[in-house]
Amino acid sequence: MRRHRTVSLVGVGLLALGTWRPWLRPRPAQEAGPLVYLPGMGSGLEYYGFPLLVWSGLVTLGLLARPDSQFTTTAAVVTGCAGSLAAAVELSSLLGSHYYVPAAGLYLTAVGSTLLVVSSGYPALVTSDGREPQ
């Protein structure tokens, strides 16, 4: 159980770090393009990052205070799913773009969200039949 909590804390940390970093940037090989500042170029907080940052802070508190509670597990899985959804929406909006590419914050958010869902959700699924975890 301790390993799952550590991986969950790493996942929530990466998710929080990803919300601070920029989510998109101009394509480096593009010589001329539109001079438009889009939300997410300065920080992920400009886009979907602020709710994710608040939720990740609450999940961190829950993981540190009551790591085995069902509420903490549910909050961690919901936060991870929300982060994955936000990253997927942003990545899908960039698929046809010739001027912008994903930046580090988007990748950190996606990796942190995936770690959070897997590390928090897997033990809950394995122990959902009432048996003690091994």
N, C-alpha and C. Protein backbone atom coordinates (compact mmCIF):
# COMPACT_ATOMS: atom_id res chain seq x y z
N MET A 1 0.80 -1.19 0.00
CA MET A 1 0.00 0.00 0.00
C MET A 1 0.85 1.27 0.00
N ARG A 2 1.99 1.17 0.65
CA ARG A 2 2.86 2.34 0.74
C ARG A 2 3.38 2.76 -0.63
N ARG A 3 3.68 1.77 -1.49
CA ARG A 3 4.18 2.07 -2.82
C ARG A 3 3.13 2.79 -3.66
N HIS A 4 1.86 2.37 -3.53
CA HIS A 4 0.78 3.02 -4.29
C HIS A 4 0.62 4.47 -3.84
N ARG A 5 0.76 4.71 -2.55
CA ARG A 5 0.64 6.07 -2.04
C ARG A 5 1.78 6.94 -2.55
N THR A 6 2.98 6.40 -2.59
CA THR A 6 4.13 7.15 -3.10
C THR A 6 3.96 7.48 -4.57
N VAL A 7 3.53 6.49 -5.35
CA VAL A 7 3.31 6.74 -6.79
C VAL A 7 2.17 7.73 -6.99
N SER A 8 1.14 7.67 -6.14
CA SER A 8 0.04 8.64 -6.23
C SER A 8 0.54 10.05 -5.92
N LEU A 9 1.40 10.17 -4.93
CA LEU A 9 1.96 11.49 -4.60
C LEU A 9 2.85 12.02 -5.72
N VAL A 10 3.61 11.13 -6.36
CA VAL A 10 4.42 11.55 -7.52
C VAL A 10 3.50 11.99 -8.66
N GLY A 11 2.43 11.23 -8.89
CA GLY A 11 1.48 11.58 -9.95
C GLY A 11 0.81 12.92 -9.71
N VAL A 12 0.38 13.16 -8.48
CA VAL A 12 -0.28 14.42 -8.17
C VAL A 12 0.73 15.57 -8.22
N GLY A 13 1.99 15.30 -7.88
CA GLY A 13 3.03 16.32 -8.01
C GLY A 13 3.31 16.68 -9.47
N LEU A 14 3.37 15.68 -10.32
CA LEU A 14 3.57 15.95 -11.75
C LEU A 14 2.37 16.68 -12.34
N LEU A 15 1.18 16.32 -11.89
CA LEU A 15 -0.03 17.00 -12.36
C LEU A 15 0.00 18.47 -11.95
N ALA A 16 0.36 18.74 -10.70
CA ALA A 16 0.44 20.13 -10.23
C ALA A 16 1.54 20.89 -10.96
N LEU A 17 2.68 20.26 -11.18
CA LEU A 17 3.77 20.91 -11.91
C LEU A 17 3.36 21.19 -13.35
N GLY A 18 2.62 20.26 -13.95
CA GLY A 18 2.17 20.45 -15.32
C GLY A 18 1.20 21.60 -15.47
N THR A 19 0.45 21.93 -14.42
CA THR A 19 -0.46 23.06 -14.53
C THR A 19 0.28 24.39 -14.51
N TRP A 20 1.47 24.42 -13.94
CA TRP A 20 2.26 25.66 -13.89
C TRP A 20 3.03 25.90 -15.19
N ARG A 21 3.44 24.83 -15.84
CA ARG A 21 4.23 24.96 -17.06
C ARG A 21 3.33 25.29 -18.25
N PRO A 22 3.88 25.90 -19.30
CA PRO A 22 3.07 26.18 -20.50
C PRO A 22 2.58 24.89 -21.16
N TRP A 23 1.38 24.94 -21.73
CA TRP A 23 0.78 23.78 -22.38
C TRP A 23 0.99 23.79 -23.89
N LEU A 24 1.24 24.93 -24.46
CA LEU A 24 1.52 24.97 -25.90
C LEU A 24 2.51 26.06 -26.20
N ARG A 25 3.16 25.91 -27.36
CA ARG A 25 4.18 26.87 -27.80
C ARG A 25 4.16 26.93 -29.31
N PRO A 26 4.74 27.98 -29.89
CA PRO A 26 4.81 28.04 -31.35
C PRO A 26 5.70 26.93 -31.89
N ARG A 27 5.38 26.46 -33.07
CA ARG A 27 6.19 25.42 -33.71
C ARG A 27 7.57 25.98 -34.02
N PRO A 28 8.64 25.29 -33.58
CA PRO A 28 9.99 25.83 -33.76
C PRO A 28 10.41 25.98 -35.22
N ALA A 29 10.00 25.08 -36.09
CA ALA A 29 10.42 25.11 -37.49
C ALA A 29 9.61 26.11 -38.31
N GLN A 30 8.54 26.64 -37.75
CA GLN A 30 7.69 27.57 -38.48
C GLN A 30 8.35 28.94 -38.52
N GLU A 31 8.58 29.45 -39.73
CA GLU A 31 9.25 30.74 -39.84
C GLU A 31 8.27 31.90 -39.64
N ALA A 32 7.13 31.81 -40.26
CA ALA A 32 6.15 32.89 -40.14
C ALA A 32 4.81 32.28 -39.75
N GLY A 33 4.16 32.91 -38.87
CA GLY A 33 2.86 32.42 -38.42
C GLY A 33 2.08 33.55 -37.81
N PRO A 34 0.89 33.26 -37.39
CA PRO A 34 0.10 34.33 -36.78
C PRO A 34 0.67 34.72 -35.42
N LEU A 35 0.72 36.00 -35.17
CA LEU A 35 1.22 36.49 -33.91
C LEU A 35 0.06 36.61 -32.93
N VAL A 36 -0.43 35.47 -32.50
CA VAL A 36 -1.58 35.41 -31.61
C VAL A 36 -1.15 34.71 -30.33
N TYR A 37 -1.52 35.32 -29.21
CA TYR A 37 -1.24 34.70 -27.92
C TYR A 37 -2.48 33.90 -27.52
N LEU A 38 -2.32 32.59 -27.39
CA LEU A 38 -3.43 31.72 -27.02
C LEU A 38 -3.34 31.37 -25.55
N PRO A 39 -4.50 31.12 -24.91
CA PRO A 39 -4.45 30.66 -23.52
C PRO A 39 -3.67 29.35 -23.42
N GLY A 40 -2.80 29.26 -22.46
CA GLY A 40 -1.97 28.08 -22.28
C GLY A 40 -0.55 28.28 -22.73
N MET A 41 -0.26 29.40 -23.40
CA MET A 41 1.11 29.63 -23.83
C MET A 41 1.98 30.15 -22.69
N GLY A 42 1.38 30.84 -21.74
CA GLY A 42 2.14 31.33 -20.60
C GLY A 42 2.19 30.31 -19.48
N SER A 43 1.05 29.69 -19.21
CA SER A 43 0.95 28.70 -18.14
C SER A 43 -0.30 27.88 -18.38
N GLY A 44 -0.30 26.67 -17.87
CA GLY A 44 -1.49 25.84 -17.97
C GLY A 44 -2.64 26.39 -17.14
N LEU A 45 -2.33 27.28 -16.19
CA LEU A 45 -3.37 27.88 -15.35
C LEU A 45 -4.32 28.74 -16.18
N GLU A 46 -3.89 29.19 -17.35
CA GLU A 46 -4.74 30.01 -18.20
C GLU A 46 -5.81 29.18 -18.90
N TYR A 47 -5.65 27.88 -18.91
CA TYR A 47 -6.56 27.03 -19.67
C TYR A 47 -7.40 26.21 -18.71
N TYR A 48 -7.07 24.98 -18.46
CA TYR A 48 -7.79 24.12 -17.52
C TYR A 48 -7.02 23.91 -16.23
N GLY A 49 -5.90 24.55 -16.09
CA GLY A 49 -4.99 24.23 -15.01
C GLY A 49 -5.43 24.64 -13.62
N PHE A 50 -6.18 25.73 -13.49
CA PHE A 50 -6.53 26.19 -12.15
C PHE A 50 -7.39 25.19 -11.39
N PRO A 51 -8.49 24.67 -11.97
CA PRO A 51 -9.24 23.65 -11.22
C PRO A 51 -8.40 22.40 -10.93
N LEU A 52 -7.56 22.02 -11.88
CA LEU A 52 -6.70 20.85 -11.64
C LEU A 52 -5.71 21.10 -10.51
N LEU A 53 -5.21 22.32 -10.41
CA LEU A 53 -4.27 22.64 -9.33
C LEU A 53 -4.98 22.59 -7.97
N VAL A 54 -6.19 23.12 -7.90
CA VAL A 54 -6.94 23.08 -6.64
C VAL A 54 -7.25 21.63 -6.26
N TRP A 55 -7.74 20.85 -7.22
CA TRP A 55 -8.07 19.45 -6.94
C TRP A 55 -6.83 18.65 -6.54
N SER A 56 -5.71 18.92 -7.21
CA SER A 56 -4.50 18.16 -6.86
C SER A 56 -4.01 18.54 -5.46
N GLY A 57 -4.19 19.78 -5.05
CA GLY A 57 -3.85 20.16 -3.68
C GLY A 57 -4.71 19.45 -2.65
N LEU A 58 -6.01 19.34 -2.94
CA LEU A 58 -6.91 18.64 -2.03
C LEU A 58 -6.60 17.14 -1.98
N VAL A 59 -6.26 16.56 -3.12
CA VAL A 59 -5.91 15.14 -3.15
C VAL A 59 -4.60 14.91 -2.39
N THR A 60 -3.66 15.82 -2.50
CA THR A 60 -2.41 15.69 -1.75
C THR A 60 -2.68 15.69 -0.25
N LEU A 61 -3.54 16.60 0.19
CA LEU A 61 -3.90 16.63 1.61
C LEU A 61 -4.56 15.33 2.03
N GLY A 62 -5.45 14.81 1.18
CA GLY A 62 -6.11 13.55 1.50
C GLY A 62 -5.15 12.38 1.54
N LEU A 63 -4.20 12.35 0.59
CA LEU A 63 -3.22 11.26 0.57
C LEU A 63 -2.30 11.29 1.77
N LEU A 64 -2.01 12.47 2.27
CA LEU A 64 -1.14 12.58 3.43
C LEU A 64 -1.90 12.33 4.73
N ALA A 65 -3.16 12.76 4.80
CA ALA A 65 -3.91 12.64 6.05
C ALA A 65 -4.59 11.26 6.19
N ARG A 66 -5.32 10.85 5.16
CA ARG A 66 -6.06 9.58 5.22
C ARG A 66 -5.91 8.85 3.89
N PRO A 67 -4.78 8.20 3.67
CA PRO A 67 -4.51 7.59 2.37
C PRO A 67 -5.41 6.39 2.03
N ASP A 68 -5.96 5.73 3.03
CA ASP A 68 -6.75 4.53 2.77
C ASP A 68 -8.25 4.81 2.73
N SER A 69 -8.66 6.06 2.84
CA SER A 69 -10.08 6.35 2.85
C SER A 69 -10.66 6.24 1.44
N GLN A 70 -11.89 5.83 1.37
CA GLN A 70 -12.56 5.68 0.07
C GLN A 70 -12.75 7.03 -0.59
N PHE A 71 -12.99 8.07 0.19
CA PHE A 71 -13.15 9.42 -0.36
C PHE A 71 -11.86 9.89 -1.03
N THR A 72 -10.72 9.65 -0.39
CA THR A 72 -9.43 10.05 -0.96
C THR A 72 -9.17 9.31 -2.26
N THR A 73 -9.46 8.02 -2.28
CA THR A 73 -9.26 7.23 -3.49
C THR A 73 -10.15 7.73 -4.62
N THR A 74 -11.40 8.01 -4.32
CA THR A 74 -12.32 8.51 -5.34
C THR A 74 -11.89 9.88 -5.83
N ALA A 75 -11.49 10.76 -4.93
CA ALA A 75 -11.03 12.08 -5.34
C ALA A 75 -9.78 12.01 -6.21
N ALA A 76 -8.87 11.09 -5.88
CA ALA A 76 -7.65 10.94 -6.68
C ALA A 76 -7.97 10.43 -8.08
N VAL A 77 -8.87 9.46 -8.18
CA VAL A 77 -9.23 8.92 -9.49
C VAL A 77 -9.97 9.98 -10.32
N VAL A 78 -10.88 10.72 -9.70
CA VAL A 78 -11.61 11.77 -10.43
C VAL A 78 -10.66 12.87 -10.89
N THR A 79 -9.74 13.27 -10.03
CA THR A 79 -8.76 14.29 -10.40
C THR A 79 -7.87 13.81 -11.54
N GLY A 80 -7.43 12.56 -11.48
CA GLY A 80 -6.62 12.00 -12.56
C GLY A 80 -7.38 11.93 -13.86
N CYS A 81 -8.64 11.53 -13.81
CA CYS A 81 -9.46 11.47 -15.02
C CYS A 81 -9.70 12.86 -15.59
N ALA A 82 -9.92 13.85 -14.72
CA ALA A 82 -10.12 15.23 -15.20
C ALA A 82 -8.85 15.76 -15.86
N GLY A 83 -7.69 15.45 -15.27
CA GLY A 83 -6.43 15.88 -15.88
C GLY A 83 -6.18 15.19 -17.21
N SER A 84 -6.49 13.91 -17.30
CA SER A 84 -6.34 13.19 -18.57
C SER A 84 -7.29 13.75 -19.62
N LEU A 85 -8.51 14.07 -19.22
CA LEU A 85 -9.48 14.63 -20.15
C LEU A 85 -9.03 16.00 -20.64
N ALA A 86 -8.53 16.84 -19.73
CA ALA A 86 -8.05 18.17 -20.13
C ALA A 86 -6.87 18.06 -21.09
N ALA A 87 -5.95 17.15 -20.82
CA ALA A 87 -4.80 16.96 -21.71
C ALA A 87 -5.24 16.42 -23.07
N ALA A 88 -6.21 15.50 -23.07
CA ALA A 88 -6.69 14.94 -24.34
C ALA A 88 -7.41 15.99 -25.16
N VAL A 89 -8.20 16.84 -24.51
CA VAL A 89 -8.90 17.91 -25.25
C VAL A 89 -7.90 18.87 -25.86
N GLU A 90 -6.89 19.24 -25.10
CA GLU A 90 -5.88 20.17 -25.63
C GLU A 90 -5.07 19.52 -26.75
N LEU A 91 -4.69 18.26 -26.59
CA LEU A 91 -3.95 17.58 -27.66
C LEU A 91 -4.79 17.44 -28.92
N SER A 92 -6.07 17.14 -28.77
CA SER A 92 -6.92 17.00 -29.95
C SER A 92 -7.13 18.33 -30.66
N SER A 93 -7.12 19.43 -29.91
CA SER A 93 -7.27 20.73 -30.56
C SER A 93 -6.01 21.13 -31.32
N LEU A 94 -4.88 20.52 -30.99
CA LEU A 94 -3.63 20.85 -31.67
C LEU A 94 -3.32 19.94 -32.86
N LEU A 95 -4.16 18.95 -33.10
CA LEU A 95 -3.85 17.98 -34.17
C LEU A 95 -3.72 18.61 -35.55
N GLY A 96 -4.58 19.55 -35.88
CA GLY A 96 -4.52 20.14 -37.21
C GLY A 96 -3.77 21.45 -37.26
N SER A 97 -3.14 21.84 -36.17
CA SER A 97 -2.47 23.13 -36.11
C SER A 97 -1.10 23.07 -36.78
N HIS A 98 -0.84 24.05 -37.62
CA HIS A 98 0.47 24.14 -38.27
C HIS A 98 1.38 25.13 -37.54
N TYR A 99 0.81 25.85 -36.55
CA TYR A 99 1.57 26.91 -35.90
C TYR A 99 1.95 26.61 -34.46
N TYR A 100 1.24 25.69 -33.81
CA TYR A 100 1.47 25.44 -32.39
C TYR A 100 1.67 23.96 -32.12
N VAL A 101 2.50 23.65 -31.11
CA VAL A 101 2.77 22.27 -30.69
C VAL A 101 2.63 22.20 -29.18
N PRO A 102 2.42 21.00 -28.62
CA PRO A 102 2.33 20.87 -27.16
C PRO A 102 3.66 21.21 -26.49
N ALA A 103 3.55 21.78 -25.32
CA ALA A 103 4.74 22.12 -24.53
C ALA A 103 4.85 21.15 -23.35
N ALA A 104 5.85 21.36 -22.52
CA ALA A 104 6.16 20.43 -21.43
C ALA A 104 5.03 20.27 -20.43
N GLY A 105 4.31 21.34 -20.14
CA GLY A 105 3.24 21.27 -19.15
C GLY A 105 2.14 20.31 -19.52
N LEU A 106 1.83 20.23 -20.80
CA LEU A 106 0.79 19.32 -21.25
C LEU A 106 1.22 17.87 -21.07
N TYR A 107 2.47 17.58 -21.38
CA TYR A 107 2.97 16.22 -21.19
C TYR A 107 3.06 15.85 -19.71
N LEU A 108 3.51 16.79 -18.87
CA LEU A 108 3.57 16.52 -17.43
C LEU A 108 2.18 16.28 -16.86
N THR A 109 1.20 17.04 -17.32
CA THR A 109 -0.18 16.84 -16.86
C THR A 109 -0.70 15.48 -17.28
N ALA A 110 -0.42 15.09 -18.51
CA ALA A 110 -0.90 13.79 -19.00
C ALA A 110 -0.24 12.64 -18.23
N VAL A 111 1.06 12.70 -18.02
CA VAL A 111 1.77 11.63 -17.31
C VAL A 111 1.34 11.58 -15.84
N GLY A 112 1.25 12.74 -15.19
CA GLY A 112 0.84 12.78 -13.80
C GLY A 112 -0.58 12.28 -13.60
N SER A 113 -1.48 12.63 -14.51
CA SER A 113 -2.87 12.17 -14.43
C SER A 113 -2.96 10.66 -14.60
N THR A 114 -2.20 10.14 -15.55
CA THR A 114 -2.21 8.70 -15.77
C THR A 114 -1.66 7.95 -14.56
N LEU A 115 -0.56 8.43 -14.00
CA LEU A 115 -0.01 7.82 -12.79
C LEU A 115 -1.01 7.86 -11.64
N LEU A 116 -1.70 8.97 -11.50
CA LEU A 116 -2.66 9.12 -10.42
C LEU A 116 -3.83 8.16 -10.56
N VAL A 117 -4.34 8.02 -11.78
CA VAL A 117 -5.47 7.11 -12.00
C VAL A 117 -5.04 5.66 -11.77
N VAL A 118 -3.90 5.29 -12.31
CA VAL A 118 -3.45 3.90 -12.20
C VAL A 118 -3.08 3.55 -10.76
N SER A 119 -2.33 4.42 -10.10
CA SER A 119 -1.88 4.08 -8.74
C SER A 119 -2.99 4.17 -7.71
N SER A 120 -3.97 5.02 -7.92
CA SER A 120 -5.08 5.11 -6.97
C SER A 120 -6.22 4.16 -7.32
N GLY A 121 -6.46 3.97 -8.59
CA GLY A 121 -7.58 3.15 -9.01
C GLY A 121 -7.32 1.67 -8.96
N TYR A 122 -6.11 1.24 -9.25
CA TYR A 122 -5.81 -0.18 -9.28
C TYR A 122 -6.00 -0.87 -7.93
N PRO A 123 -5.46 -0.33 -6.85
CA PRO A 123 -5.70 -1.00 -5.55
C PRO A 123 -7.18 -1.03 -5.18
N ALA A 124 -7.92 0.01 -5.56
CA ALA A 124 -9.35 0.03 -5.26
C ALA A 124 -10.09 -1.05 -6.05
N LEU A 125 -9.67 -1.29 -7.27
CA LEU A 125 -10.31 -2.34 -8.07
C LEU A 125 -9.94 -3.73 -7.56
N VAL A 126 -8.70 -3.90 -7.17
CA VAL A 126 -8.23 -5.21 -6.72
C VAL A 126 -8.90 -5.58 -5.40
N THR A 127 -9.09 -4.62 -4.52
CA THR A 127 -9.65 -4.91 -3.19
C THR A 127 -11.14 -4.64 -3.11
N SER A 128 -11.82 -4.46 -4.25
CA SER A 128 -13.24 -4.12 -4.21
C SER A 128 -14.12 -5.29 -3.80
N ASP A 129 -13.61 -6.50 -3.79
CA ASP A 129 -14.43 -7.65 -3.40
C ASP A 129 -14.41 -7.90 -1.89
N GLY A 130 -13.77 -7.03 -1.13
CA GLY A 130 -13.79 -7.17 0.32
C GLY A 130 -12.60 -7.90 0.90
N ARG A 131 -11.75 -8.48 0.09
CA ARG A 131 -10.56 -9.18 0.61
C ARG A 131 -9.49 -8.16 0.97
N GLU A 132 -8.61 -8.57 1.84
CA GLU A 132 -7.50 -7.71 2.25
C GLU A 132 -6.47 -7.62 1.12
N PRO A 133 -5.88 -6.43 0.88
CA PRO A 133 -4.83 -6.33 -0.12
C PRO A 133 -3.59 -7.07 0.31
N GLN A 134 -2.83 -7.57 -0.65
CA GLN A 134 -1.63 -8.35 -0.35
C GLN A 134 -0.39 -7.51 -0.49
